[in-house]
Protein backbone atom coordinates (compact mmCIF):
# COMPACT_ATOMS: atom_id res chain seq x y z
CA MET A 1 166.78 54.21 108.81
CA ALA A 2 163.23 55.50 109.23
CA ARG A 3 163.25 56.76 105.64
CA LEU A 4 164.61 53.46 104.26
CA LEU A 5 162.00 51.45 106.17
CA THR A 6 159.17 53.77 105.12
CA GLU A 7 160.23 53.68 101.47
CA ASN A 8 160.38 49.87 101.59
CA ARG A 9 157.37 49.21 103.79
CA GLU A 10 155.28 47.52 101.11
CA PHE A 11 158.28 45.64 99.72
CA MET A 12 159.24 44.29 103.16
CA THR A 13 155.70 43.40 104.33
CA PRO A 14 155.80 39.75 103.15
CA TRP A 15 159.15 39.17 104.91
CA GLU A 16 158.68 40.98 108.22
CA PRO A 17 156.50 40.82 111.34
CA PHE A 18 153.47 43.10 111.29
CA ARG A 19 154.59 46.63 112.17
CA GLU A 20 152.45 49.43 113.60
CA ASP A 21 152.69 52.81 111.84
CA ALA A 22 154.71 54.20 114.74
CA PHE A 23 157.55 51.74 114.00
CA PHE A 24 158.42 53.70 110.85
CA THR A 25 158.99 57.02 112.63
CA GLU A 26 162.36 58.53 113.48
CA LYS A 27 161.46 58.42 117.17
CA ALA A 28 160.79 54.68 117.09
CA GLN A 29 163.88 53.95 115.01
CA ARG A 30 165.98 55.96 117.43
CA LYS A 31 164.75 53.60 120.19
CA VAL A 32 165.49 50.54 118.02
CA ILE A 33 169.01 51.84 117.39
CA GLU A 34 169.56 52.66 121.08
CA ALA A 35 168.45 49.13 122.04
CA ALA A 36 170.78 47.63 119.41
CA LEU A 37 173.71 49.70 120.67
CA ASP A 38 172.93 48.69 124.27
CA SER A 39 172.87 45.04 123.19
CA CYS A 40 176.19 45.59 121.41
CA GLU A 41 177.68 47.12 124.53
CA ARG A 42 176.66 44.01 126.49
CA GLY A 43 178.31 41.78 123.86
CA ALA A 44 175.00 40.25 122.79
CA ALA A 45 174.78 41.77 119.30
CA LEU A 46 176.84 43.44 116.60
CA PRO A 47 174.61 45.80 114.56
CA HIS A 48 175.71 47.44 111.31
CA VAL A 49 174.13 49.37 108.50
CA ILE A 50 174.77 48.58 104.86
CA LEU A 51 175.76 51.68 102.93
CA SER A 52 174.72 52.45 99.40
CA PRO A 53 177.48 51.95 96.81
CA ASP A 54 176.05 54.98 94.99
CA ASP A 55 176.08 57.33 97.98
CA PRO A 56 178.05 56.38 101.11
CA ASP A 57 175.87 58.76 103.16
CA GLU A 58 172.76 56.71 102.33
CA ILE A 59 171.71 53.58 104.20
CA ALA A 60 170.84 50.67 101.88
CA GLY A 61 170.05 48.10 104.59
CA ARG A 62 171.05 46.53 107.86
CA VAL A 63 172.99 43.43 108.95
CA THR A 64 173.28 42.30 112.55
CA LEU A 65 174.77 39.48 114.54
CA ASN A 66 172.07 38.75 117.13
CA ASN A 67 171.88 36.54 120.19
CA ILE A 68 175.62 36.21 120.59
CA VAL A 69 176.11 33.41 123.12
CA ARG A 70 179.49 32.60 124.64
CA GLY A 71 180.53 29.64 126.78
CA ALA A 72 180.19 26.21 125.23
CA PHE A 73 177.94 27.50 122.42
CA GLN A 74 180.08 30.33 120.87
CA SER A 75 177.32 31.09 118.39
CA ALA A 76 175.16 33.87 116.97
CA SER A 77 172.40 34.39 114.47
CA VAL A 78 172.65 36.77 111.55
CA GLY A 79 169.82 38.89 110.19
CA TYR A 80 169.87 41.27 107.25
CA PHE A 81 167.86 43.19 104.72
CA VAL A 82 168.46 45.61 101.86
CA GLY A 83 166.00 48.01 100.32
CA GLN A 84 164.21 47.00 97.14
CA ARG A 85 166.29 49.17 94.83
CA TYR A 86 169.45 47.48 96.14
CA ASN A 87 168.23 43.92 95.66
CA GLY A 88 170.27 41.79 93.28
CA ARG A 89 173.37 43.97 93.52
CA GLY A 90 175.36 41.76 95.89
CA LEU A 91 175.09 44.09 98.89
CA ALA A 92 173.46 41.55 101.20
CA THR A 93 175.91 38.86 100.11
CA ALA A 94 178.87 41.15 100.82
CA ALA A 95 177.42 42.32 104.16
CA VAL A 96 176.76 38.78 105.38
CA GLY A 97 180.27 37.79 104.25
CA ASP A 98 181.75 40.67 106.23
CA MET A 99 179.75 39.75 109.33
CA LYS A 100 180.82 36.12 108.96
CA ARG A 101 184.45 37.25 108.88
CA ARG A 102 183.91 39.49 111.92
CA ALA A 103 182.15 36.68 113.80
CA PHE A 104 184.87 34.13 113.12
CA GLU A 105 188.02 36.26 113.09
CA ASP A 106 187.26 39.11 115.50
CA LEU A 107 184.77 37.47 117.89
CA ASP A 108 186.16 33.91 117.58
CA LEU A 109 182.68 32.40 117.33
CA HIS A 110 182.28 28.77 116.30
CA ARG A 111 178.94 28.96 114.49
CA LEU A 112 176.51 31.32 112.77
CA GLU A 113 172.93 30.50 111.95
CA ALA A 114 170.17 32.17 109.97
CA GLY A 115 166.61 31.36 109.06
CA THR A 116 164.65 32.25 105.96
CA LEU A 117 161.06 31.85 104.92
CA LYS A 118 160.72 28.75 102.77
CA HIS A 119 159.88 30.85 99.70
CA ASN A 120 162.62 33.48 100.20
CA ILE A 121 164.97 32.09 97.56
CA GLY A 122 166.98 35.33 97.31
CA SER A 123 167.88 35.26 100.99
CA GLN A 124 168.75 31.57 100.78
CA LYS A 125 171.17 32.33 97.94
CA VAL A 126 172.83 35.06 100.04
CA LEU A 127 173.48 32.50 102.75
CA GLN A 128 174.63 29.75 100.40
CA ARG A 129 177.09 32.12 98.68
CA ASN A 130 178.59 32.63 102.13
CA GLY A 131 179.02 28.94 102.87
CA PHE A 132 175.89 28.45 104.96
CA GLU A 133 174.32 25.00 104.69
CA ARG A 134 170.72 24.08 105.26
CA PHE A 135 170.30 21.98 108.39
CA GLY A 136 166.60 21.90 109.10
CA ILE A 137 163.08 23.25 109.00
CA ALA A 138 161.53 25.10 111.92
CA PRO A 139 157.74 24.76 111.74
CA SER A 140 155.73 27.87 112.64
CA TYR A 141 159.03 29.54 113.59
CA LEU A 142 158.17 33.24 113.39
CA ARG A 143 155.03 35.29 112.95
CA ILE A 144 155.71 36.99 109.62
CA ALA A 145 153.14 39.06 107.73
CA GLY A 146 150.60 38.17 110.41
CA GLU A 147 150.98 34.36 110.12
CA TRP A 148 153.14 31.78 111.87
CA GLN A 149 155.43 30.62 109.09
CA ASP A 150 157.92 27.79 108.62
CA HIS A 151 161.56 28.72 108.15
CA ILE A 152 164.51 26.92 106.63
CA LEU A 153 167.47 26.99 109.01
CA PHE A 154 171.04 27.46 107.81
CA GLN A 155 174.38 27.39 109.58
CA VAL A 156 178.05 27.86 108.86
CA LEU A 157 180.86 26.64 111.10
CA ASN A 158 184.20 28.29 111.74
CA ALA A 159 186.77 25.94 110.24
CA GLN A 160 189.43 27.49 112.50
CA SER A 161 187.67 26.79 115.81
């Protein structure tokens, strides 16, 4: 993961929060992974890597169900990215589709949501291909690339719930 993030640092800069140099080290990524696995163990997240179709030993990206909330909400958010050389190959679309299936069939969630920067058309298409519908705008939602930026919010509901 550290190698993928380092190789894609410049590519990801416009879409990500500002990251210190230390974030891109194996040591820091080990901590990120440990925290994700701990969150998974508590039932609050479901982290996965996206494998390269060219080499199944190579990580092409990441997709995660975050903020899994039970009770009356039965909802989660989905986040994802693929490295630059994997863009446009359908990997993110397939990964989000798989996580949607897992969320609705395996976890019996009612709703998934995701947010994208207003100008991130590629990410919006990934969501739309998976049945997500735009439901709003969140002004100054996240600090991305050093600035508070608006996001378009999307959701998809579980037709079986």
